[in-house]
């Protein structure tokens, strides 16, 4: 099997409007390692959800993949070009190969159906041939796996569950058809800190015990340090830096990566050391000339404001998109 289970190849995603076209993701190439957790990190509007949604062709209307392709290297050895899947094939691909834990569990679950009804409906729609007893056993098993009282929860309506319980139901939902990849879109939004910690520990356990690859989108870079194996830092629809979590946090080569880490409070650090990134995220309809981060970067040179940097790759597969990084030289951090 290939090392990469998902390969985004030169992906550009556009939102055509009447008077203009907004490019939300611009020429991104990124690999998701098999059996690993890869995090997409960046401020709101950086392109994280748009990029990950292209994996299951669920980009919000009127978004389209204008360039590039998404390749899925299945565990069974088959190679799937997601863009070329027909509608029937795409329905099977979603949830059987790639499932998703959505940002707001309270919105993702149907309020007028019990958990049992929603689980059974999904199994039936995907043509999973099981007896009533087998369906019951399968659903109870995965609810038990996510540390829920399965026999009670399975007959509950969403409004009868707490936020953390609904999120765990959604995680169980994502495991229902034994997928190879789970997309996690801000999976702990609106949950308290203790519940967030519990959910991420549960997801890590799923990753390790079931060898399911994960693609996490978050704006909270502190979560990534303890949860993910690889990190891709996005800004203005581009991946500015990619590598293992250990190396990226240790070196902080890109000024934007450094800014995100420095803006994150630490329970053991001094609050006076926390520094926000100056300025605001870019207007995607009026991006700066040159590097998209140049107008907020404290190390920007003339070339940064004139020419977009090329992507510089290292031998281990990590890369950085910055004029100030040349063959391992200090970028002024």
C-alpha atoms as a PDB file:
ATOM      1  CA  UNK A   1       0.000   0.000   0.000  1.00  0.00           C
ATOM      2  CA  UNK A   2       1.102   3.546  -0.673  1.00  0.00           C
ATOM      3  CA  UNK A   3       2.248   5.678   2.270  1.00  0.00           C
ATOM      4  CA  UNK A   4      -0.283   8.379   1.363  1.00  0.00           C
ATOM      5  CA  UNK A   5      -3.958   7.457   1.571  1.00  0.00           C
ATOM      6  CA  UNK A   6      -5.092  10.816   0.137  1.00  0.00           C
ATOM      7  CA  UNK A   7      -3.241  13.022  -2.355  1.00  0.00           C
ATOM      8  CA  UNK A   8      -4.438  16.533  -3.153  1.00  0.00           C
ATOM      9  CA  UNK A   9      -2.666  17.406  -6.410  1.00  0.00           C
ATOM     10  CA  UNK A  10      -2.475  21.070  -7.430  1.00  0.00           C
ATOM     11  CA  UNK A  11      -6.022  21.705  -6.222  1.00  0.00           C
ATOM     12  CA  UNK A  12      -7.648  25.067  -6.941  1.00  0.00           C
ATOM     13  CA  UNK A  13     -11.254  25.653  -5.870  1.00  0.00           C
ATOM     14  CA  UNK A  14     -13.335  28.543  -7.215  1.00  0.00           C
ATOM     15  CA  UNK A  15     -16.669  30.087  -6.288  1.00  0.00           C
ATOM     16  CA  UNK A  16     -17.984  31.647  -9.533  1.00  0.00           C
ATOM     17  CA  UNK A  17     -20.290  34.615  -8.978  1.00  0.00           C
ATOM     18  CA  UNK A  18     -22.095  36.921 -11.401  1.00  0.00           C
ATOM     19  CA  UNK A  19     -19.479  39.665 -11.358  1.00  0.00           C
ATOM     20  CA  UNK A  20     -16.365  37.871 -10.120  1.00  0.00           C
ATOM     21  CA  UNK A  21     -14.842  34.523  -9.189  1.00  0.00           C
ATOM     22  CA  UNK A  22     -13.479  33.919  -5.707  1.00  0.00           C
ATOM     23  CA  UNK A  23     -10.581  31.461  -5.499  1.00  0.00           C
ATOM     24  CA  UNK A  24     -10.847  29.901  -2.015  1.00  0.00           C
ATOM     25  CA  UNK A  25      -8.044  27.350  -2.483  1.00  0.00           C
ATOM     26  CA  UNK A  26      -5.110  28.120  -4.756  1.00  0.00           C
ATOM     27  CA  UNK A  27      -2.862  25.400  -6.211  1.00  0.00           C
ATOM     28  CA  UNK A  28      -2.558  23.242  -3.090  1.00  0.00           C
ATOM     29  CA  UNK A  29      -0.677  19.938  -3.125  1.00  0.00           C
ATOM     30  CA  UNK A  30      -0.873  17.979   0.108  1.00  0.00           C
ATOM     31  CA  UNK A  31      -0.679  14.347   1.220  1.00  0.00           C
ATOM     32  CA  UNK A  32      -2.537  12.636   4.065  1.00  0.00           C
ATOM     33  CA  UNK A  33      -0.422   9.822   5.526  1.00  0.00           C
ATOM     34  CA  UNK A  34      -2.034   6.411   5.987  1.00  0.00           C
ATOM     35  CA  UNK A  35      -2.909   5.666   9.614  1.00  0.00           C
ATOM     36  CA  UNK A  36      -1.863   9.147  10.757  1.00  0.00           C
ATOM     37  CA  UNK A  37      -3.660  12.309  11.883  1.00  0.00           C
ATOM     38  CA  UNK A  38      -3.070  15.332   9.650  1.00  0.00           C
ATOM     39  CA  UNK A  39      -4.272  18.748  10.840  1.00  0.00           C
ATOM     40  CA  UNK A  40      -5.190  21.737   8.676  1.00  0.00           C
ATOM     41  CA  UNK A  41      -4.621  24.844  10.787  1.00  0.00           C
ATOM     42  CA  UNK A  42      -5.355  28.483  10.079  1.00  0.00           C
ATOM     43  CA  UNK A  43      -7.649  31.407  10.753  1.00  0.00           C
ATOM     44  CA  UNK A  44     -11.259  31.400   9.582  1.00  0.00           C
ATOM     45  CA  UNK A  45     -11.484  31.744   5.819  1.00  0.00           C
ATOM     46  CA  UNK A  46      -8.068  30.224   5.133  1.00  0.00           C
ATOM     47  CA  UNK A  47      -9.548  27.402   3.018  1.00  0.00           C
ATOM     48  CA  UNK A  48      -9.378  24.461   5.459  1.00  0.00           C
ATOM     49  CA  UNK A  49     -12.969  23.245   5.163  1.00  0.00           C
ATOM     50  CA  UNK A  50     -13.148  23.957   1.433  1.00  0.00           C
ATOM     51  CA  UNK A  51     -10.052  21.867   0.757  1.00  0.00           C
ATOM     52  CA  UNK A  52     -11.125  18.940   2.931  1.00  0.00           C
ATOM     53  CA  UNK A  53     -14.656  18.987   1.474  1.00  0.00           C
ATOM     54  CA  UNK A  54     -13.185  18.343  -1.972  1.00  0.00           C
ATOM     55  CA  UNK A  55     -12.226  14.861  -0.726  1.00  0.00           C
ATOM     56  CA  UNK A  56     -15.905  13.852  -0.691  1.00  0.00           C
ATOM     57  CA  UNK A  57     -17.079  16.384  -3.313  1.00  0.00           C
ATOM     58  CA  UNK A  58     -19.174  18.268  -0.795  1.00  0.00           C
ATOM     59  CA  UNK A  59     -17.944  21.781  -1.563  1.00  0.00           C
ATOM     60  CA  UNK A  60     -20.655  24.338  -0.796  1.00  0.00           C
ATOM     61  CA  UNK A  61     -22.489  25.709  -3.831  1.00  0.00           C
ATOM     62  CA  UNK A  62     -21.441  27.201  -6.188  1.00  0.00           C
ATOM     63  CA  UNK A  63     -17.905  25.958  -5.472  1.00  0.00           C
ATOM     64  CA  UNK A  64     -16.082  23.852  -8.089  1.00  0.00           C
ATOM     65  CA  UNK A  65     -12.665  22.253  -8.404  1.00  0.00           C
ATOM     66  CA  UNK A  66     -11.204  24.447 -11.132  1.00  0.00           C
ATOM     67  CA  UNK A  67      -7.846  22.677 -11.351  1.00  0.00           C
ATOM     68  CA  UNK A  68      -6.101  19.587 -10.032  1.00  0.00           C
ATOM     69  CA  UNK A  69      -7.354  16.246  -8.741  1.00  0.00           C
ATOM     70  CA  UNK A  70      -7.954  14.329  -5.522  1.00  0.00           C
ATOM     71  CA  UNK A  71      -6.593  10.775  -5.430  1.00  0.00           C
ATOM     72  CA  UNK A  72      -7.666   8.213  -2.828  1.00  0.00           C
ATOM     73  CA  UNK A  73      -5.374   5.205  -2.370  1.00  0.00           C
ATOM     74  CA  UNK A  74      -7.663   2.651  -0.736  1.00  0.00           C
ATOM     75  CA  UNK A  75      -6.469   0.014   1.711  1.00  0.00           C
ATOM     76  CA  UNK A  76      -7.566  -2.661  -0.775  1.00  0.00           C
ATOM     77  CA  UNK A  77      -5.017  -1.347  -3.296  1.00  0.00           C
ATOM     78  CA  UNK A  78      -7.489   0.436  -5.571  1.00  0.00           C
ATOM     79  CA  UNK A  79      -6.779   3.958  -6.758  1.00  0.00           C
ATOM     80  CA  UNK A  80      -9.777   6.296  -6.868  1.00  0.00           C
ATOM     81  CA  UNK A  81      -9.902   9.654  -8.666  1.00  0.00           C
ATOM     82  CA  UNK A  82     -12.644  11.355  -6.646  1.00  0.00           C
ATOM     83  CA  UNK A  83     -13.494  13.844  -9.402  1.00  0.00           C
ATOM     84  CA  UNK A  84     -14.266  11.030 -11.845  1.00  0.00           C
ATOM     85  CA  UNK A  85     -16.656   9.121  -9.580  1.00  0.00           C
ATOM     86  CA  UNK A  86     -20.199   8.795 -10.909  1.00  0.00           C
ATOM     87  CA  UNK A  87     -23.070   9.714  -8.607  1.00  0.00           C
ATOM     88  CA  UNK A  88     -23.790   6.137  -7.510  1.00  0.00           C
ATOM     89  CA  UNK A  89     -20.091   5.476  -6.900  1.00  0.00           C
ATOM     90  CA  UNK A  90     -19.787   8.739  -4.960  1.00  0.00           C
ATOM     91  CA  UNK A  91     -22.666   7.747  -2.648  1.00  0.00           C
ATOM     92  CA  UNK A  92     -20.821   4.532  -1.795  1.00  0.00           C
ATOM     93  CA  UNK A  93     -17.475   6.333  -1.432  1.00  0.00           C
ATOM     94  CA  UNK A  94     -18.942   8.710   1.130  1.00  0.00           C
ATOM     95  CA  UNK A  95     -19.169   7.037   4.518  1.00  0.00           C
ATOM     96  CA  UNK A  96     -17.816   3.665   3.282  1.00  0.00           C
ATOM     97  CA  UNK A  97     -14.365   5.021   2.386  1.00  0.00           C
ATOM     98  CA  UNK A  98     -14.435   8.535   3.871  1.00  0.00           C
ATOM     99  CA  UNK A  99     -16.786   9.719   6.617  1.00  0.00           C
ATOM    100  CA  UNK A 100     -17.091  13.085   8.338  1.00  0.00           C
ATOM    101  CA  UNK A 101     -17.689  14.428  11.836  1.00  0.00           C
ATOM    102  CA  UNK A 102     -19.338  17.789  11.256  1.00  0.00           C
ATOM    103  CA  UNK A 103     -18.674  21.008  13.119  1.00  0.00           C
ATOM    104  CA  UNK A 104     -21.995  21.223  14.994  1.00  0.00           C
ATOM    105  CA  UNK A 105     -23.439  17.874  16.082  1.00  0.00           C
ATOM    106  CA  UNK A 106     -26.732  19.487  17.027  1.00  0.00           C
ATOM    107  CA  UNK A 107     -27.179  20.539  13.387  1.00  0.00           C
ATOM    108  CA  UNK A 108     -25.868  17.329  11.812  1.00  0.00           C
ATOM    109  CA  UNK A 109     -28.324  15.015  13.588  1.00  0.00           C
ATOM    110  CA  UNK A 110     -31.960  14.840  12.482  1.00  0.00           C
ATOM    111  CA  UNK A 111     -34.032  16.245  15.391  1.00  0.00           C
ATOM    112  CA  UNK A 112     -37.144  14.144  14.637  1.00  0.00           C
ATOM    113  CA  UNK A 113     -35.429  10.745  14.415  1.00  0.00           C
ATOM    114  CA  UNK A 114     -33.902   8.645  17.181  1.00  0.00           C
ATOM    115  CA  UNK A 115     -30.264   7.629  17.034  1.00  0.00           C
ATOM    116  CA  UNK A 116     -31.392   4.093  16.165  1.00  0.00           C
ATOM    117  CA  UNK A 117     -33.497   5.302  13.211  1.00  0.00           C
ATOM    118  CA  UNK A 118     -30.648   7.401  11.826  1.00  0.00           C
ATOM    119  CA  UNK A 119     -28.133   4.565  12.143  1.00  0.00           C
ATOM    120  CA  UNK A 120     -30.482   2.035  10.541  1.00  0.00           C
ATOM    121  CA  UNK A 121     -31.356   4.434   7.715  1.00  0.00           C
ATOM    122  CA  UNK A 122     -27.666   4.876   6.870  1.00  0.00           C
ATOM    123  CA  UNK A 123     -27.068   1.111   6.843  1.00  0.00           C
ATOM    124  CA  UNK A 124     -30.096   0.580   4.589  1.00  0.00           C
ATOM    125  CA  UNK A 125     -29.183   3.388   2.170  1.00  0.00           C
ATOM    126  CA  UNK A 126     -25.740   1.867   1.662  1.00  0.00           C
ATOM    127  CA  UNK A 127     -27.173  -1.564   1.047  1.00  0.00           C
ATOM    128  CA  UNK A 128     -25.617  -3.187   4.096  1.00  0.00           C
ATOM    129  CA  UNK A 129     -27.376  -6.549   4.354  1.00  0.00           C
ATOM    130  CA  UNK A 130     -27.846  -7.276   8.058  1.00  0.00           C
ATOM    131  CA  UNK A 131     -30.627  -8.828  10.071  1.00  0.00           C
ATOM    132  CA  UNK A 132     -32.404  -6.679  12.648  1.00  0.00           C
ATOM    133  CA  UNK A 133     -30.407  -8.379  15.406  1.00  0.00           C
ATOM    134  CA  UNK A 134     -27.106  -7.797  13.581  1.00  0.00           C
ATOM    135  CA  UNK A 135     -27.948  -4.109  13.040  1.00  0.00           C
ATOM    136  CA  UNK A 136     -28.748  -3.748  16.724  1.00  0.00           C
ATOM    137  CA  UNK A 137     -25.511  -5.432  17.769  1.00  0.00           C
ATOM    138  CA  UNK A 138     -23.387  -3.313  15.393  1.00  0.00           C
ATOM    139  CA  UNK A 139     -24.923  -0.028  16.516  1.00  0.00           C
ATOM    140  CA  UNK A 140     -24.661  -0.881  20.218  1.00  0.00           C
ATOM    141  CA  UNK A 141     -21.041  -1.925  19.757  1.00  0.00           C
ATOM    142  CA  UNK A 142     -19.903   1.380  18.275  1.00  0.00           C
ATOM    143  CA  UNK A 143     -21.903   3.398  20.822  1.00  0.00           C
ATOM    144  CA  UNK A 144     -20.181   1.411  23.573  1.00  0.00           C
ATOM    145  CA  UNK A 145     -16.843   2.083  21.871  1.00  0.00           C
ATOM    146  CA  UNK A 146     -17.349   5.857  22.173  1.00  0.00           C
ATOM    147  CA  UNK A 147     -18.120   5.443  25.884  1.00  0.00           C
ATOM    148  CA  UNK A 148     -21.901   5.943  25.753  1.00  0.00           C
ATOM    149  CA  UNK A 149     -24.662   4.033  27.532  1.00  0.00           C
ATOM    150  CA  UNK A 150     -25.608   2.364  24.266  1.00  0.00           C
ATOM    151  CA  UNK A 151     -28.908   0.758  25.279  1.00  0.00           C
ATOM    152  CA  UNK A 152     -30.254   4.102  26.484  1.00  0.00           C
ATOM    153  CA  UNK A 153     -28.729   6.429  23.899  1.00  0.00           C
ATOM    154  CA  UNK A 154     -29.764   4.401  20.849  1.00  0.00           C
ATOM    155  CA  UNK A 155     -33.445   5.225  21.469  1.00  0.00           C
ATOM    156  CA  UNK A 156     -32.864   8.898  22.342  1.00  0.00           C
ATOM    157  CA  UNK A 157     -33.718  11.896  20.196  1.00  0.00           C
ATOM    158  CA  UNK A 158     -30.897  14.454  19.769  1.00  0.00           C
ATOM    159  CA  UNK A 159     -32.519  16.965  22.148  1.00  0.00           C
ATOM    160  CA  UNK A 160     -32.302  14.369  24.928  1.00  0.00           C
ATOM    161  CA  UNK A 161     -28.494  14.307  24.722  1.00  0.00           C
ATOM    162  CA  UNK A 162     -25.883  16.776  25.961  1.00  0.00           C
ATOM    163  CA  UNK A 163     -23.467  18.471  23.565  1.00  0.00           C
ATOM    164  CA  UNK A 164     -20.657  16.053  24.368  1.00  0.00           C
ATOM    165  CA  UNK A 165     -22.961  13.045  23.987  1.00  0.00           C
ATOM    166  CA  UNK A 166     -24.195  14.277  20.598  1.00  0.00           C
ATOM    167  CA  UNK A 167     -20.610  14.729  19.459  1.00  0.00           C
ATOM    168  CA  UNK A 168     -19.812  11.156  20.487  1.00  0.00           C
ATOM    169  CA  UNK A 169     -22.899   9.941  18.634  1.00  0.00           C
ATOM    170  CA  UNK A 170     -21.561  11.705  15.525  1.00  0.00           C
ATOM    171  CA  UNK A 171     -18.183  10.010  16.006  1.00  0.00           C
ATOM    172  CA  UNK A 172     -19.981   6.654  16.304  1.00  0.00           C
ATOM    173  CA  UNK A 173     -21.950   7.584  13.174  1.00  0.00           C
ATOM    174  CA  UNK A 174     -18.682   8.156  11.304  1.00  0.00           C
ATOM    175  CA  UNK A 175     -17.507   4.639  12.268  1.00  0.00           C
ATOM    176  CA  UNK A 176     -20.728   2.910  11.207  1.00  0.00           C
ATOM    177  CA  UNK A 177     -19.509   1.700   7.802  1.00  0.00           C
ATOM    178  CA  UNK A 178     -15.858   1.082   8.768  1.00  0.00           C
ATOM    179  CA  UNK A 179     -14.287   3.945   6.775  1.00  0.00           C
ATOM    180  CA  UNK A 180     -10.594   4.341   6.017  1.00  0.00           C
ATOM    181  CA  UNK A 181     -10.514   8.130   6.559  1.00  0.00           C
ATOM    182  CA  UNK A 182     -12.487  10.406   8.889  1.00  0.00           C
ATOM    183  CA  UNK A 183     -12.714  14.147   8.243  1.00  0.00           C
ATOM    184  CA  UNK A 184     -13.023  16.133  11.492  1.00  0.00           C
ATOM    185  CA  UNK A 185     -14.384  19.646  11.000  1.00  0.00           C
ATOM    186  CA  UNK A 186     -13.775  21.514  14.269  1.00  0.00           C
ATOM    187  CA  UNK A 187     -15.190  18.487  16.170  1.00  0.00           C
ATOM    188  CA  UNK A 188     -15.254  20.163  19.591  1.00  0.00           C
ATOM    189  CA  UNK A 189     -16.870  23.502  18.721  1.00  0.00           C
ATOM    190  CA  UNK A 190     -19.158  24.802  21.517  1.00  0.00           C
ATOM    191  CA  UNK A 191     -17.961  22.159  23.997  1.00  0.00           C
ATOM    192  CA  UNK A 192     -16.314  22.963  27.320  1.00  0.00           C
ATOM    193  CA  UNK A 193     -12.563  22.411  27.746  1.00  0.00           C
ATOM    194  CA  UNK A 194     -12.890  19.160  29.736  1.00  0.00           C
ATOM    195  CA  UNK A 195     -15.265  17.643  27.164  1.00  0.00           C
ATOM    196  CA  UNK A 196     -12.978  18.789  24.331  1.00  0.00           C
ATOM    197  CA  UNK A 197     -10.071  16.967  25.952  1.00  0.00           C
ATOM    198  CA  UNK A 198     -12.209  13.832  26.356  1.00  0.00           C
ATOM    199  CA  UNK A 199     -13.332  13.912  22.697  1.00  0.00           C
ATOM    200  CA  UNK A 200      -9.793  14.304  21.359  1.00  0.00           C
ATOM    201  CA  UNK A 201      -8.533  11.459  23.546  1.00  0.00           C
ATOM    202  CA  UNK A 202     -11.350   9.301  22.176  1.00  0.00           C
ATOM    203  CA  UNK A 203     -10.462  10.209  18.583  1.00  0.00           C
ATOM    204  CA  UNK A 204      -6.807   9.415  19.196  1.00  0.00           C
ATOM    205  CA  UNK A 205      -7.804   6.022  20.610  1.00  0.00           C
ATOM    206  CA  UNK A 206      -9.866   5.353  17.449  1.00  0.00           C
ATOM    207  CA  UNK A 207      -6.900   6.311  15.282  1.00  0.00           C
ATOM    208  CA  UNK A 208      -4.543   3.966  17.115  1.00  0.00           C
ATOM    209  CA  UNK A 209      -6.816   0.944  17.672  1.00  0.00           C
ATOM    210  CA  UNK A 210      -8.624   0.978  14.322  1.00  0.00           C
ATOM    211  CA  UNK A 211      -5.799   2.468  12.180  1.00  0.00           C
ATOM    212  CA  UNK A 212      -8.174   5.014  10.670  1.00  0.00           C
ATOM    213  CA  UNK A 213      -6.502   8.004   9.014  1.00  0.00           C
ATOM    214  CA  UNK A 214      -7.850  11.403  10.071  1.00  0.00           C
ATOM    215  CA  UNK A 215      -7.953  14.879   8.559  1.00  0.00           C
ATOM    216  CA  UNK A 216      -8.627  17.539  11.192  1.00  0.00           C
ATOM    217  CA  UNK A 217      -9.589  21.155  10.530  1.00  0.00           C
ATOM    218  CA  UNK A 218      -9.064  23.596  13.384  1.00  0.00           C
ATOM    219  CA  UNK A 219      -8.061  27.171  14.132  1.00  0.00           C
ATOM    220  CA  UNK A 220      -6.753  26.101  17.562  1.00  0.00           C
ATOM    221  CA  UNK A 221      -3.092  25.270  17.039  1.00  0.00           C
ATOM    222  CA  UNK A 222      -2.683  24.219  20.689  1.00  0.00           C
ATOM    223  CA  UNK A 223      -4.929  21.185  20.041  1.00  0.00           C
ATOM    224  CA  UNK A 224      -2.677  20.047  17.227  1.00  0.00           C
ATOM    225  CA  UNK A 225       0.423  19.809  19.423  1.00  0.00           C
ATOM    226  CA  UNK A 226      -0.949  16.898  21.436  1.00  0.00           C
ATOM    227  CA  UNK A 227      -3.321  15.328  18.899  1.00  0.00           C
ATOM    228  CA  UNK A 228      -1.929  15.333  15.350  1.00  0.00           C
ATOM    229  CA  UNK A 229       1.043  13.679  13.668  1.00  0.00           C
ATOM    230  CA  UNK A 230       1.343  16.124  10.761  1.00  0.00           C
ATOM    231  CA  UNK A 231       0.320  19.745  10.349  1.00  0.00           C
ATOM    232  CA  UNK A 232      -0.434  21.923   7.322  1.00  0.00           C
ATOM    233  CA  UNK A 233      -0.659  25.646   8.061  1.00  0.00           C
ATOM    234  CA  UNK A 234      -3.083  27.404   5.689  1.00  0.00           C
ATOM    235  CA  UNK A 235      -3.449  31.090   4.922  1.00  0.00           C
ATOM    236  CA  UNK A 236      -5.256  32.832   2.089  1.00  0.00           C
ATOM    237  CA  UNK A 237      -6.138  29.549   0.370  1.00  0.00           C
ATOM    238  CA  UNK A 238      -2.540  28.317   0.352  1.00  0.00           C
ATOM    239  CA  UNK A 239      -0.535  25.871   2.465  1.00  0.00           C
ATOM    240  CA  UNK A 240       2.298  27.996   3.889  1.00  0.00           C
ATOM    241  CA  UNK A 241       4.085  25.221   5.794  1.00  0.00           C
ATOM    242  CA  UNK A 242       3.763  21.443   6.161  1.00  0.00           C
ATOM    243  CA  UNK A 243       5.609  18.858   8.186  1.00  0.00           C
ATOM    244  CA  UNK A 244       5.531  16.651  11.251  1.00  0.00           C
ATOM    245  CA  UNK A 245       4.048  18.332  14.316  1.00  0.00           C
ATOM    246  CA  UNK A 246       7.298  17.889  16.212  1.00  0.00           C
ATOM    247  CA  UNK A 247       9.426  19.592  13.559  1.00  0.00           C
ATOM    248  CA  UNK A 248       6.980  22.405  12.766  1.00  0.00           C
ATOM    249  CA  UNK A 249       6.531  23.347  16.442  1.00  0.00           C
ATOM    250  CA  UNK A 250      10.254  23.060  17.089  1.00  0.00           C
ATOM    251  CA  UNK A 251      11.449  25.137  14.127  1.00  0.00           C
ATOM    252  CA  UNK A 252       8.476  27.481  13.388  1.00  0.00           C
ATOM    253  CA  UNK A 253      10.046  28.322  10.039  1.00  0.00           C
ATOM    254  CA  UNK A 254       7.199  30.319   8.485  1.00  0.00           C
ATOM    255  CA  UNK A 255       6.423  33.700  10.101  1.00  0.00           C
ATOM    256  CA  UNK A 256       2.685  32.876  10.041  1.00  0.00           C
ATOM    257  CA  UNK A 257       3.290  29.574  11.858  1.00  0.00           C
ATOM    258  CA  UNK A 258       5.348  31.412  14.435  1.00  0.00           C
ATOM    259  CA  UNK A 259       2.596  34.022  14.804  1.00  0.00           C
ATOM    260  CA  UNK A 260      -0.097  31.376  15.397  1.00  0.00           C
ATOM    261  CA  UNK A 261       1.989  29.619  18.053  1.00  0.00           C
ATOM    262  CA  UNK A 262       2.952  32.872  19.785  1.00  0.00           C
ATOM    263  CA  UNK A 263      -0.714  33.955  19.877  1.00  0.00           C
ATOM    264  CA  UNK A 264      -1.735  30.807  21.792  1.00  0.00           C
ATOM    265  CA  UNK A 265      -1.887  31.106  25.600  1.00  0.00           C
ATOM    266  CA  UNK A 266      -0.139  28.443  27.664  1.00  0.00           C
ATOM    267  CA  UNK A 267      -1.176  27.210  31.127  1.00  0.00           C
ATOM    268  CA  UNK A 268       2.489  27.163  32.161  1.00  0.00           C
ATOM    269  CA  UNK A 269       3.632  30.288  30.332  1.00  0.00           C
ATOM    270  CA  UNK A 270       3.401  33.995  31.025  1.00  0.00           C
ATOM    271  CA  UNK A 271       0.317  35.673  29.561  1.00  0.00           C
ATOM    272  CA  UNK A 272       2.472  38.726  28.820  1.00  0.00           C
ATOM    273  CA  UNK A 273       4.411  36.640  26.299  1.00  0.00           C
ATOM    274  CA  UNK A 274       1.308  36.062  24.170  1.00  0.00           C
ATOM    275  CA  UNK A 275       1.426  38.180  21.017  1.00  0.00           C
ATOM    276  CA  UNK A 276      -1.448  38.484  18.506  1.00  0.00           C
ATOM    277  CA  UNK A 277      -0.748  38.601  14.786  1.00  0.00           C
ATOM    278  CA  UNK A 278      -1.043  42.203  13.620  1.00  0.00           C
ATOM    279  CA  UNK A 279      -3.673  43.052  11.035  1.00  0.00           C
ATOM    280  CA  UNK A 280      -6.559  40.911   9.866  1.00  0.00           C
ATOM    281  CA  UNK A 281      -7.062  37.910   7.525  1.00  0.00           C
ATOM    282  CA  UNK A 282      -6.923  38.837   3.833  1.00  0.00           C
ATOM    283  CA  UNK A 283      -9.861  39.800   1.654  1.00  0.00           C
ATOM    284  CA  UNK A 284      -9.969  36.842  -0.746  1.00  0.00           C
ATOM    285  CA  UNK A 285     -11.241  39.170  -3.496  1.00  0.00           C
ATOM    286  CA  UNK A 286      -8.352  41.571  -3.021  1.00  0.00           C
ATOM    287  CA  UNK A 287      -5.273  39.585  -2.017  1.00  0.00           C
ATOM    288  CA  UNK A 288      -1.928  41.361  -1.562  1.00  0.00           C
ATOM    289  CA  UNK A 289       0.463  41.222  -4.478  1.00  0.00           C
ATOM    290  CA  UNK A 290       3.271  38.750  -3.913  1.00  0.00           C
ATOM    291  CA  UNK A 291       3.056  36.664  -0.738  1.00  0.00           C
ATOM    292  CA  UNK A 292      -0.491  36.670   0.670  1.00  0.00           C
ATOM    293  CA  UNK A 293       0.931  37.131   4.189  1.00  0.00           C
ATOM    294  CA  UNK A 294       3.283  39.994   3.267  1.00  0.00           C
ATOM    295  CA  UNK A 295       1.118  42.834   4.651  1.00  0.00           C
ATOM    296  CA  UNK A 296       1.055  41.199   8.139  1.00  0.00           C
ATOM    297  CA  UNK A 297       4.534  39.669   8.181  1.00  0.00           C
ATOM    298  CA  UNK A 298       7.072  41.419  10.458  1.00  0.00           C
ATOM    299  CA  UNK A 299       9.948  40.038   8.347  1.00  0.00           C
ATOM    300  CA  UNK A 300       8.608  41.001   4.895  1.00  0.00           C
ATOM    301  CA  UNK A 301      11.159  42.199   2.331  1.00  0.00           C
ATOM    302  CA  UNK A 302      10.573  43.993  -0.969  1.00  0.00           C
ATOM    303  CA  UNK A 303      10.474  40.687  -2.873  1.00  0.00           C
ATOM    304  CA  UNK A 304       7.694  39.452  -0.565  1.00  0.00           C
ATOM    305  CA  UNK A 305       5.453  42.296  -1.702  1.00  0.00           C
ATOM    306  CA  UNK A 306       6.249  41.776  -5.382  1.00  0.00           C
ATOM    307  CA  UNK A 307       6.476  38.028  -6.079  1.00  0.00           C
ATOM    308  CA  UNK A 308       4.615  35.031  -4.682  1.00  0.00           C
ATOM    309  CA  UNK A 309       7.119  32.579  -3.166  1.00  0.00           C
ATOM    310  CA  UNK A 310       7.555  29.133  -4.637  1.00  0.00           C
ATOM    311  CA  UNK A 311       7.128  26.020  -2.514  1.00  0.00           C
ATOM    312  CA  UNK A 312      10.448  24.765  -1.175  1.00  0.00           C
ATOM    313  CA  UNK A 313      10.557  21.039  -0.366  1.00  0.00           C
ATOM    314  CA  UNK A 314      12.819  19.201   2.067  1.00  0.00           C
ATOM    315  CA  UNK A 315      13.988  15.600   1.802  1.00  0.00           C
ATOM    316  CA  UNK A 316      11.506  14.366   4.436  1.00  0.00           C
ATOM    317  CA  UNK A 317       8.540  15.651   2.397  1.00  0.00           C
ATOM    318  CA  UNK A 318       7.926  18.752   4.507  1.00  0.00           C
ATOM    319  CA  UNK A 319       7.758  22.095   2.741  1.00  0.00           C
ATOM    320  CA  UNK A 320       7.483  25.834   3.237  1.00  0.00           C
ATOM    321  CA  UNK A 321       6.223  28.704   1.073  1.00  0.00           C
ATOM    322  CA  UNK A 322       8.360  31.688   2.064  1.00  0.00           C
ATOM    323  CA  UNK A 323      11.025  33.904   0.444  1.00  0.00           C
ATOM    324  CA  UNK A 324      12.899  34.164   3.748  1.00  0.00           C
ATOM    325  CA  UNK A 325      13.616  30.445   4.021  1.00  0.00           C
ATOM    326  CA  UNK A 326      16.519  29.384   1.843  1.00  0.00           C
ATOM    327  CA  UNK A 327      18.116  25.998   2.332  1.00  0.00           C
ATOM    328  CA  UNK A 328      17.636  25.959   6.091  1.00  0.00           C
ATOM    329  CA  UNK A 329      18.727  29.558   6.805  1.00  0.00           C
ATOM    330  CA  UNK A 330      17.145  31.418   9.713  1.00  0.00           C
ATOM    331  CA  UNK A 331      14.099  33.407   8.630  1.00  0.00           C
ATOM    332  CA  UNK A 332      14.533  36.005  11.328  1.00  0.00           C
ATOM    333  CA  UNK A 333      12.524  34.264  14.040  1.00  0.00           C
END
